[in-house]
């Protein structure tokens, strides 16, 4: 639950560069904390193999809190959640 939005955050966008095979790669914040997983790129990022355009290229990420929620609530994996060191 995001305290600002008072809702579950599912996705967010970054200016990271992504290429085929990067799906599922960790997205790390400035503190070295896992905040999400790379999911896909936008249409404008298709040309990234020729040139990265910082104004257009975007990476679509899934928020790690949503991944954990899915593991717990949909997958019944609370035992996995209990073994993780989670930061708030």
PDB file of N, CA and C in Angstrom:
ATOM      1  N   UNK A   1       0.842  -1.173   0.000  1.00  0.00           N
ATOM      2  CA  UNK A   1       0.000   0.000   0.000  1.00  0.00           C
ATOM      3  C   UNK A   1       0.889   1.239   0.000  1.00  0.00           C
ATOM      4  N   UNK A   2       0.674   2.118  -0.944  1.00  0.00           N
ATOM      5  CA  UNK A   2       1.419   3.363  -1.007  1.00  0.00           C
ATOM      6  C   UNK A   2       0.712   4.389  -0.133  1.00  0.00           C
ATOM      7  N   UNK A   3       1.389   4.932   0.897  1.00  0.00           N
ATOM      8  CA  UNK A   3       0.721   5.853   1.815  1.00  0.00           C
ATOM      9  C   UNK A   3       0.269   7.149   1.146  1.00  0.00           C
ATOM     10  N   UNK A   4       0.958   7.578   0.120  1.00  0.00           N
ATOM     11  CA  UNK A   4       0.582   8.816  -0.565  1.00  0.00           C
ATOM     12  C   UNK A   4      -0.671   8.612  -1.408  1.00  0.00           C
ATOM     13  N   UNK A   5      -0.692   7.524  -2.153  1.00  0.00           N
ATOM     14  CA  UNK A   5      -1.815   7.248  -3.050  1.00  0.00           C
ATOM     15  C   UNK A   5      -2.944   6.475  -2.369  1.00  0.00           C
ATOM     16  N   UNK A   6      -2.626   5.882  -1.212  1.00  0.00           N
ATOM     17  CA  UNK A   6      -3.585   5.039  -0.483  1.00  0.00           C
ATOM     18  C   UNK A   6      -4.127   3.927  -1.379  1.00  0.00           C
ATOM     19  N   UNK A   7      -3.212   3.348  -2.158  1.00  0.00           N
ATOM     20  CA  UNK A   7      -3.576   2.287  -3.085  1.00  0.00           C
ATOM     21  C   UNK A   7      -2.347   1.428  -3.368  1.00  0.00           C
ATOM     22  N   UNK A   8      -2.560   0.259  -3.919  1.00  0.00           N
ATOM     23  CA  UNK A   8      -1.473  -0.628  -4.280  1.00  0.00           C
ATOM     24  C   UNK A   8      -0.857  -0.173  -5.593  1.00  0.00           C
ATOM     25  N   UNK A   9       0.449   0.080  -5.587  1.00  0.00           N
ATOM     26  CA  UNK A   9       1.161   0.485  -6.797  1.00  0.00           C
ATOM     27  C   UNK A   9       1.549  -0.774  -7.559  1.00  0.00           C
ATOM     28  N   UNK A  10       1.257  -0.805  -8.846  1.00  0.00           N
ATOM     29  CA  UNK A  10       1.555  -1.988  -9.650  1.00  0.00           C
ATOM     30  C   UNK A  10       2.733  -1.747 -10.580  1.00  0.00           C
ATOM     31  N   UNK A  11       2.741  -0.637 -11.295  1.00  0.00           N
ATOM     32  CA  UNK A  11       3.784  -0.348 -12.273  1.00  0.00           C
ATOM     33  C   UNK A  11       4.349   1.042 -12.086  1.00  0.00           C
ATOM     34  N   UNK A  12       5.554   1.229 -12.612  1.00  0.00           N
ATOM     35  CA  UNK A  12       6.146   2.564 -12.699  1.00  0.00           C
ATOM     36  C   UNK A  12       7.083   2.594 -13.902  1.00  0.00           C
ATOM     37  N   UNK A  13       7.428   3.784 -14.323  1.00  0.00           N
ATOM     38  CA  UNK A  13       8.241   3.999 -15.518  1.00  0.00           C
ATOM     39  C   UNK A  13       9.595   4.577 -15.106  1.00  0.00           C
ATOM     40  N   UNK A  14      10.661   4.125 -15.775  1.00  0.00           N
ATOM     41  CA  UNK A  14      11.990   4.691 -15.559  1.00  0.00           C
ATOM     42  C   UNK A  14      12.599   5.092 -16.899  1.00  0.00           C
ATOM     43  N   UNK A  15      13.716   5.793 -16.841  1.00  0.00           N
ATOM     44  CA  UNK A  15      14.446   6.154 -18.049  1.00  0.00           C
ATOM     45  C   UNK A  15      15.597   5.180 -18.304  1.00  0.00           C
ATOM     46  N   UNK A  16      15.569   4.034 -17.647  1.00  0.00           N
ATOM     47  CA  UNK A  16      16.604   3.020 -17.877  1.00  0.00           C
ATOM     48  C   UNK A  16      16.513   2.487 -19.298  1.00  0.00           C
ATOM     49  N   UNK A  17      17.636   2.006 -19.807  1.00  0.00           N
ATOM     50  CA  UNK A  17      17.660   1.367 -21.115  1.00  0.00           C
ATOM     51  C   UNK A  17      17.405  -0.121 -20.905  1.00  0.00           C
ATOM     52  N   UNK A  18      16.615  -0.726 -21.789  1.00  0.00           N
ATOM     53  CA  UNK A  18      16.298  -2.145 -21.686  1.00  0.00           C
ATOM     54  C   UNK A  18      16.430  -2.765 -23.068  1.00  0.00           C
ATOM     55  N   UNK A  19      16.745  -4.029 -23.094  1.00  0.00           N
ATOM     56  CA  UNK A  19      16.846  -4.749 -24.360  1.00  0.00           C
ATOM     57  C   UNK A  19      16.209  -6.121 -24.182  1.00  0.00           C
ATOM     58  N   UNK A  20      16.025  -6.831 -25.267  1.00  0.00           N
ATOM     59  CA  UNK A  20      15.430  -8.160 -25.189  1.00  0.00           C
ATOM     60  C   UNK A  20      16.193  -9.049 -24.219  1.00  0.00           C
ATOM     61  N   UNK A  21      15.479  -9.748 -23.367  1.00  0.00           N
ATOM     62  CA  UNK A  21      16.102 -10.610 -22.376  1.00  0.00           C
ATOM     63  C   UNK A  21      16.268  -9.960 -21.015  1.00  0.00           C
ATOM     64  N   UNK A  22      15.979  -8.651 -20.906  1.00  0.00           N
ATOM     65  CA  UNK A  22      16.103  -7.960 -19.627  1.00  0.00           C
ATOM     66  C   UNK A  22      14.862  -8.069 -18.758  1.00  0.00           C
ATOM     67  N   UNK A  23      13.788  -8.618 -19.278  1.00  0.00           N
ATOM     68  CA  UNK A  23      12.574  -8.741 -18.469  1.00  0.00           C
ATOM     69  C   UNK A  23      12.870  -9.539 -17.207  1.00  0.00           C
ATOM     70  N   UNK A  24      12.429  -9.003 -16.079  1.00  0.00           N
ATOM     71  CA  UNK A  24      12.671  -9.646 -14.796  1.00  0.00           C
ATOM     72  C   UNK A  24      13.936  -9.168 -14.115  1.00  0.00           C
ATOM     73  N   UNK A  25      14.701  -8.314 -14.785  1.00  0.00           N
ATOM     74  CA  UNK A  25      15.919  -7.779 -14.167  1.00  0.00           C
ATOM     75  C   UNK A  25      15.556  -6.869 -13.005  1.00  0.00           C
ATOM     76  N   UNK A  26      16.385  -6.853 -11.958  1.00  0.00           N
ATOM     77  CA  UNK A  26      16.090  -6.013 -10.799  1.00  0.00           C
ATOM     78  C   UNK A  26      16.201  -4.528 -11.123  1.00  0.00           C
ATOM     79  N   UNK A  27      15.330  -3.742 -10.509  1.00  0.00           N
ATOM     80  CA  UNK A  27      15.404  -2.276 -10.572  1.00  0.00           C
ATOM     81  C   UNK A  27      15.754  -1.834  -9.158  1.00  0.00           C
ATOM     82  N   UNK A  28      16.881  -1.130  -9.041  1.00  0.00           N
ATOM     83  CA  UNK A  28      17.447  -0.767  -7.746  1.00  0.00           C
ATOM     84  C   UNK A  28      17.384   0.749  -7.583  1.00  0.00           C
ATOM     85  N   UNK A  29      17.037   1.217  -6.393  1.00  0.00           N
ATOM     86  CA  UNK A  29      17.042   2.670  -6.146  1.00  0.00           C
ATOM     87  C   UNK A  29      18.437   3.135  -5.737  1.00  0.00           C
ATOM     88  N   UNK A  30      18.585   4.406  -5.435  1.00  0.00           N
ATOM     89  CA  UNK A  30      19.867   4.986  -5.076  1.00  0.00           C
ATOM     90  C   UNK A  30      20.445   4.454  -3.776  1.00  0.00           C
ATOM     91  N   UNK A  31      19.630   3.802  -2.964  1.00  0.00           N
ATOM     92  CA  UNK A  31      20.105   3.218  -1.701  1.00  0.00           C
ATOM     93  C   UNK A  31      20.494   1.751  -1.856  1.00  0.00           C
ATOM     94  N   UNK A  32      20.400   1.241  -3.099  1.00  0.00           N
ATOM     95  CA  UNK A  32      20.720  -0.160  -3.347  1.00  0.00           C
ATOM     96  C   UNK A  32      19.601  -1.112  -2.990  1.00  0.00           C
ATOM     97  N   UNK A  33      18.391  -0.598  -2.836  1.00  0.00           N
ATOM     98  CA  UNK A  33      17.241  -1.425  -2.463  1.00  0.00           C
ATOM     99  C   UNK A  33      16.480  -1.857  -3.713  1.00  0.00           C
ATOM    100  N   UNK A  34      16.006  -3.086  -3.707  1.00  0.00           N
ATOM    101  CA  UNK A  34      15.185  -3.605  -4.801  1.00  0.00           C
ATOM    102  C   UNK A  34      13.816  -2.940  -4.743  1.00  0.00           C
ATOM    103  N   UNK A  35      13.443  -2.226  -5.804  1.00  0.00           N
ATOM    104  CA  UNK A  35      12.136  -1.556  -5.816  1.00  0.00           C
ATOM    105  C   UNK A  35      11.210  -2.105  -6.890  1.00  0.00           C
ATOM    106  N   UNK A  36      11.731  -2.923  -7.792  1.00  0.00           N
ATOM    107  CA  UNK A  36      10.881  -3.461  -8.834  1.00  0.00           C
ATOM    108  C   UNK A  36      11.647  -4.392  -9.759  1.00  0.00           C
ATOM    109  N   UNK A  37      10.940  -4.824 -10.802  1.00  0.00           N
ATOM    110  CA  UNK A  37      11.516  -5.677 -11.832  1.00  0.00           C
ATOM    111  C   UNK A  37      11.217  -5.062 -13.192  1.00  0.00           C
ATOM    112  N   UNK A  38      12.226  -5.031 -14.065  1.00  0.00           N
ATOM    113  CA  UNK A  38      12.015  -4.520 -15.421  1.00  0.00           C
ATOM    114  C   UNK A  38      11.024  -5.436 -16.131  1.00  0.00           C
ATOM    115  N   UNK A  39      10.093  -4.830 -16.840  1.00  0.00           N
ATOM    116  CA  UNK A  39       9.035  -5.598 -17.472  1.00  0.00           C
ATOM    117  C   UNK A  39       9.053  -5.464 -18.994  1.00  0.00           C
ATOM    118  N   UNK A  40       9.129  -4.242 -19.494  1.00  0.00           N
ATOM    119  CA  UNK A  40       9.039  -4.014 -20.942  1.00  0.00           C
ATOM    120  C   UNK A  40       9.544  -2.614 -21.252  1.00  0.00           C
ATOM    121  N   UNK A  41       9.668  -2.312 -22.517  1.00  0.00           N
ATOM    122  CA  UNK A  41      10.022  -0.971 -22.963  1.00  0.00           C
ATOM    123  C   UNK A  41       8.866  -0.370 -23.736  1.00  0.00           C
ATOM    124  N   UNK A  42       8.901   0.931 -23.911  1.00  0.00           N
ATOM    125  CA  UNK A  42       7.849   1.579 -24.690  1.00  0.00           C
ATOM    126  C   UNK A  42       8.164   1.479 -26.186  1.00  0.00           C
ATOM    127  N   UNK A  43       7.209   1.841 -27.018  1.00  0.00           N
ATOM    128  CA  UNK A  43       7.360   1.754 -28.469  1.00  0.00           C
ATOM    129  C   UNK A  43       8.568   2.545 -28.957  1.00  0.00           C
ATOM    130  N   UNK A  44       8.773   3.724 -28.392  1.00  0.00           N
ATOM    131  CA  UNK A  44       9.881   4.586 -28.807  1.00  0.00           C
ATOM    132  C   UNK A  44      11.240   3.961 -28.489  1.00  0.00           C
ATOM    133  N   UNK A  45      11.275   2.996 -27.589  1.00  0.00           N
ATOM    134  CA  UNK A  45      12.537   2.356 -27.210  1.00  0.00           C
ATOM    135  C   UNK A  45      12.978   1.299 -28.221  1.00  0.00           C
ATOM    136  N   UNK A  46      12.141   0.991 -29.201  1.00  0.00           N
ATOM    137  CA  UNK A  46      12.510  -0.035 -30.177  1.00  0.00           C
ATOM    138  C   UNK A  46      13.772   0.322 -30.947  1.00  0.00           C
ATOM    139  N   UNK A  47      14.048   1.589 -31.109  1.00  0.00           N
ATOM    140  CA  UNK A  47      15.237   2.007 -31.863  1.00  0.00           C
ATOM    141  C   UNK A  47      16.485   2.080 -30.997  1.00  0.00           C
ATOM    142  N   UNK A  48      16.402   1.647 -29.745  1.00  0.00           N
ATOM    143  CA  UNK A  48      17.525   1.804 -28.820  1.00  0.00           C
ATOM    144  C   UNK A  48      18.795   1.106 -29.291  1.00  0.00           C
ATOM    145  N   UNK A  49      18.650   0.114 -30.173  1.00  0.00           N
ATOM    146  CA  UNK A  49      19.847  -0.577 -30.651  1.00  0.00           C
ATOM    147  C   UNK A  49      20.679   0.323 -31.552  1.00  0.00           C
ATOM    148  N   UNK A  50      20.045   1.341 -32.109  1.00  0.00           N
ATOM    149  CA  UNK A  50      20.766   2.302 -32.942  1.00  0.00           C
ATOM    150  C   UNK A  50      21.241   3.490 -32.115  1.00  0.00           C
ATOM    151  N   UNK A  51      20.349   3.992 -31.286  1.00  0.00           N
ATOM    152  CA  UNK A  51      20.694   5.146 -30.459  1.00  0.00           C
ATOM    153  C   UNK A  51      19.698   5.264 -29.309  1.00  0.00           C
ATOM    154  N   UNK A  52      20.207   5.477 -28.113  1.00  0.00           N
ATOM    155  CA  UNK A  52      19.348   5.684 -26.943  1.00  0.00           C
ATOM    156  C   UNK A  52      18.900   7.138 -26.924  1.00  0.00           C
ATOM    157  N   UNK A  53      17.602   7.355 -26.841  1.00  0.00           N
ATOM    158  CA  UNK A  53      17.050   8.709 -26.778  1.00  0.00           C
ATOM    159  C   UNK A  53      16.530   8.946 -25.365  1.00  0.00           C
ATOM    160  N   UNK A  54      17.285   9.729 -24.584  1.00  0.00           N
ATOM    161  CA  UNK A  54      16.934   9.959 -23.180  1.00  0.00           C
ATOM    162  C   UNK A  54      15.577  10.620 -23.000  1.00  0.00           C
ATOM    163  N   UNK A  55      15.092  11.304 -24.031  1.00  0.00           N
ATOM    164  CA  UNK A  55      13.805  11.995 -23.930  1.00  0.00           C
ATOM    165  C   UNK A  55      12.622  11.075 -24.226  1.00  0.00           C
ATOM    166  N   UNK A  56      12.859   9.959 -24.910  1.00  0.00           N
ATOM    167  CA  UNK A  56      11.754   9.090 -25.316  1.00  0.00           C
ATOM    168  C   UNK A  56      11.798   7.684 -24.722  1.00  0.00           C
ATOM    169  N   UNK A  57      12.985   7.123 -24.570  1.00  0.00           N
ATOM    170  CA  UNK A  57      13.079   5.739 -24.107  1.00  0.00           C
ATOM    171  C   UNK A  57      12.631   5.596 -22.660  1.00  0.00           C
ATOM    172  N   UNK A  58      11.812   4.607 -22.416  1.00  0.00           N
ATOM    173  CA  UNK A  58      11.322   4.327 -21.068  1.00  0.00           C
ATOM    174  C   UNK A  58      11.297   2.816 -20.832  1.00  0.00           C
ATOM    175  N   UNK A  59      11.473   2.441 -19.580  1.00  0.00           N
ATOM    176  CA  UNK A  59      11.343   1.051 -19.175  1.00  0.00           C
ATOM    177  C   UNK A  59      10.137   0.944 -18.250  1.00  0.00           C
ATOM    178  N   UNK A  60       9.263   0.001 -18.551  1.00  0.00           N
ATOM    179  CA  UNK A  60       8.086  -0.244 -17.732  1.00  0.00           C
ATOM    180  C   UNK A  60       8.472  -1.300 -16.696  1.00  0.00           C
ATOM    181  N   UNK A  61       8.207  -1.005 -15.435  1.00  0.00           N
ATOM    182  CA  UNK A  61       8.623  -1.884 -14.340  1.00  0.00           C
ATOM    183  C   UNK A  61       7.420  -2.281 -13.502  1.00  0.00           C
ATOM    184  N   UNK A  62       7.506  -3.460 -12.913  1.00  0.00           N
ATOM    185  CA  UNK A  62       6.486  -3.882 -11.951  1.00  0.00           C
ATOM    186  C   UNK A  62       7.048  -3.602 -10.560  1.00  0.00           C
ATOM    187  N   UNK A  63       6.237  -2.970  -9.719  1.00  0.00           N
ATOM    188  CA  UNK A  63       6.636  -2.605  -8.369  1.00  0.00           C
ATOM    189  C   UNK A  63       6.827  -3.873  -7.539  1.00  0.00           C
ATOM    190  N   UNK A  64       7.927  -3.944  -6.799  1.00  0.00           N
ATOM    191  CA  UNK A  64       8.230  -5.140  -6.015  1.00  0.00           C
ATOM    192  C   UNK A  64       7.176  -5.393  -4.936  1.00  0.00           C
ATOM    193  N   UNK A  65       6.514  -4.340  -4.461  1.00  0.00           N
ATOM    194  CA  UNK A  65       5.453  -4.534  -3.458  1.00  0.00           C
ATOM    195  C   UNK A  65       4.290  -5.318  -4.055  1.00  0.00           C
ATOM    196  N   UNK A  66       4.011  -5.091  -5.342  1.00  0.00           N
ATOM    197  CA  UNK A  66       2.946  -5.843  -6.005  1.00  0.00           C
ATOM    198  C   UNK A  66       3.372  -7.293  -6.206  1.00  0.00           C
ATOM    199  N   UNK A  67       4.633  -7.500  -6.575  1.00  0.00           N
ATOM    200  CA  UNK A  67       5.147  -8.870  -6.732  1.00  0.00           C
ATOM    201  C   UNK A  67       5.001  -9.628  -5.419  1.00  0.00           C
ATOM    202  N   UNK A  68       5.399  -8.989  -4.318  1.00  0.00           N
ATOM    203  CA  UNK A  68       5.283  -9.628  -3.007  1.00  0.00           C
ATOM    204  C   UNK A  68       3.831  -9.897  -2.636  1.00  0.00           C
ATOM    205  N   UNK A  69       2.944  -8.960  -2.973  1.00  0.00           N
ATOM    206  CA  UNK A  69       1.517  -9.149  -2.705  1.00  0.00           C
ATOM    207  C   UNK A  69       0.998 -10.365  -3.475  1.00  0.00           C
ATOM    208  N   UNK A  70       1.407 -10.486  -4.755  1.00  0.00           N
ATOM    209  CA  UNK A  70       0.976 -11.634  -5.577  1.00  0.00           C
ATOM    210  C   UNK A  70       1.489 -12.949  -5.001  1.00  0.00           C
ATOM    211  N   UNK A  71       2.761 -12.957  -4.575  1.00  0.00           N
ATOM    212  CA  UNK A  71       3.325 -14.168  -3.978  1.00  0.00           C
ATOM    213  C   UNK A  71       2.534 -14.567  -2.740  1.00  0.00           C
ATOM    214  N   UNK A  72       2.200 -13.584  -1.912  1.00  0.00           N
ATOM    215  CA  UNK A  72       1.506 -13.841  -0.653  1.00  0.00           C
ATOM    216  C   UNK A  72       0.032 -14.171  -0.862  1.00  0.00           C
ATOM    217  N   UNK A  73      -0.698 -13.258  -1.494  1.00  0.00           N
ATOM    218  CA  UNK A  73      -2.162 -13.385  -1.562  1.00  0.00           C
ATOM    219  C   UNK A  73      -2.649 -14.315  -2.668  1.00  0.00           C
ATOM    220  N   UNK A  74      -2.036 -14.246  -3.831  1.00  0.00           N
ATOM    221  CA  UNK A  74      -2.503 -15.079  -4.940  1.00  0.00           C
ATOM    222  C   UNK A  74      -1.824 -16.441  -4.966  1.00  0.00           C
ATOM    223  N   UNK A  75      -0.551 -16.464  -4.578  1.00  0.00           N
ATOM    224  CA  UNK A  75       0.197 -17.716  -4.634  1.00  0.00           C
ATOM    225  C   UNK A  75       0.233 -18.492  -3.341  1.00  0.00           C
ATOM    226  N   UNK A  76      -0.244 -17.875  -2.267  1.00  0.00           N
ATOM    227  CA  UNK A  76      -0.233 -18.568  -0.979  1.00  0.00           C
ATOM    228  C   UNK A  76       1.179 -18.824  -0.464  1.00  0.00           C
ATOM    229  N   UNK A  77       2.112 -17.946  -0.839  1.00  0.00           N
ATOM    230  CA  UNK A  77       3.507 -18.148  -0.469  1.00  0.00           C
ATOM    231  C   UNK A  77       3.948 -17.325   0.717  1.00  0.00           C
ATOM    232  N   UNK A  78       3.138 -17.258   1.747  1.00  0.00           N
ATOM    233  CA  UNK A  78       3.511 -16.459   2.917  1.00  0.00           C
ATOM    234  C   UNK A  78       4.798 -16.972   3.555  1.00  0.00           C
ATOM    235  N   UNK A  79       5.089 -18.265   3.404  1.00  0.00           N
ATOM    236  CA  UNK A  79       6.341 -18.808   3.947  1.00  0.00           C
ATOM    237  C   UNK A  79       7.545 -18.165   3.256  1.00  0.00           C
ATOM    238  N   UNK A  80       7.436 -17.867   1.971  1.00  0.00           N
ATOM    239  CA  UNK A  80       8.519 -17.192   1.247  1.00  0.00           C
ATOM    240  C   UNK A  80       8.660 -15.765   1.755  1.00  0.00           C
ATOM    241  N   UNK A  81       7.546 -15.080   1.899  1.00  0.00           N
ATOM    242  CA  UNK A  81       7.543 -13.696   2.379  1.00  0.00           C
ATOM    243  C   UNK A  81       8.190 -13.617   3.765  1.00  0.00           C
ATOM    244  N   UNK A  82       7.878 -14.569   4.633  1.00  0.00           N
ATOM    245  CA  UNK A  82       8.410 -14.570   5.996  1.00  0.00           C
ATOM    246  C   UNK A  82       9.923 -14.756   6.038  1.00  0.00           C
ATOM    247  N   UNK A  83      10.500 -15.366   5.008  1.00  0.00           N
ATOM    248  CA  UNK A  83      11.941 -15.600   4.974  1.00  0.00           C
ATOM    249  C   UNK A  83      12.716 -14.386   4.453  1.00  0.00           C
ATOM    250  N   UNK A  84      12.039 -13.397   3.877  1.00  0.00           N
ATOM    251  CA  UNK A  84      12.702 -12.236   3.289  1.00  0.00           C
ATOM    252  C   UNK A  84      12.921 -11.143   4.312  1.00  0.00           C
ATOM    253  N   UNK A  85      13.990 -10.380   4.129  1.00  0.00           N
ATOM    254  CA  UNK A  85      14.215  -9.194   4.945  1.00  0.00           C
ATOM    255  C   UNK A  85      13.624  -8.023   4.157  1.00  0.00           C
ATOM    256  N   UNK A  86      12.453  -7.576   4.549  1.00  0.00           N
ATOM    257  CA  UNK A  86      11.739  -6.520   3.839  1.00  0.00           C
ATOM    258  C   UNK A  86      11.944  -5.183   4.550  1.00  0.00           C
ATOM    259  N   UNK A  87      12.176  -4.151   3.766  1.00  0.00           N
ATOM    260  CA  UNK A  87      12.369  -2.800   4.281  1.00  0.00           C
ATOM    261  C   UNK A  87      11.082  -2.015   4.060  1.00  0.00           C
ATOM    262  N   UNK A  88      10.779  -1.089   4.958  1.00  0.00           N
ATOM    263  CA  UNK A  88       9.606  -0.242   4.784  1.00  0.00           C
ATOM    264  C   UNK A  88      10.031   1.161   4.451  1.00  0.00           C
TER     265      UNK A  88
END
